[in-house]
């Protein structure tokens, strides 16, 4: 009986993972910070004029340089800075930032160390 339950659970979980794979994948958005609040950040892509808002947790500390080797305090994140944001929408479909990378200009991209 326990084997049947375990097999059924594994089947359901694997089916769920395959059918909603895009919902669990992290995405990256590049742009200029337009607004920062205690629990959110709004970024605009100057090329496409698309603006996205991201939720951030109160003690967010995942702020990095473009190469990912240097960490920064949240006070370094100001309106007008170029950023790359790695985000997903796992929690209730709310777009939230996992990592924020401070970039020098609009042509720079995130490079993983």
Foldseek 3Di string as FASTA:
>chain_A
DVVVVVVVVVVVVVVVCVVCVVQPDKDKDKAFWADDDQFKTWGAHVVVRDIDMAGHDNCDFQEEELARPDGDDPVVRDGGWIKMFIWHQPPVRGIHTPHIYTYDDRVRHRHYD
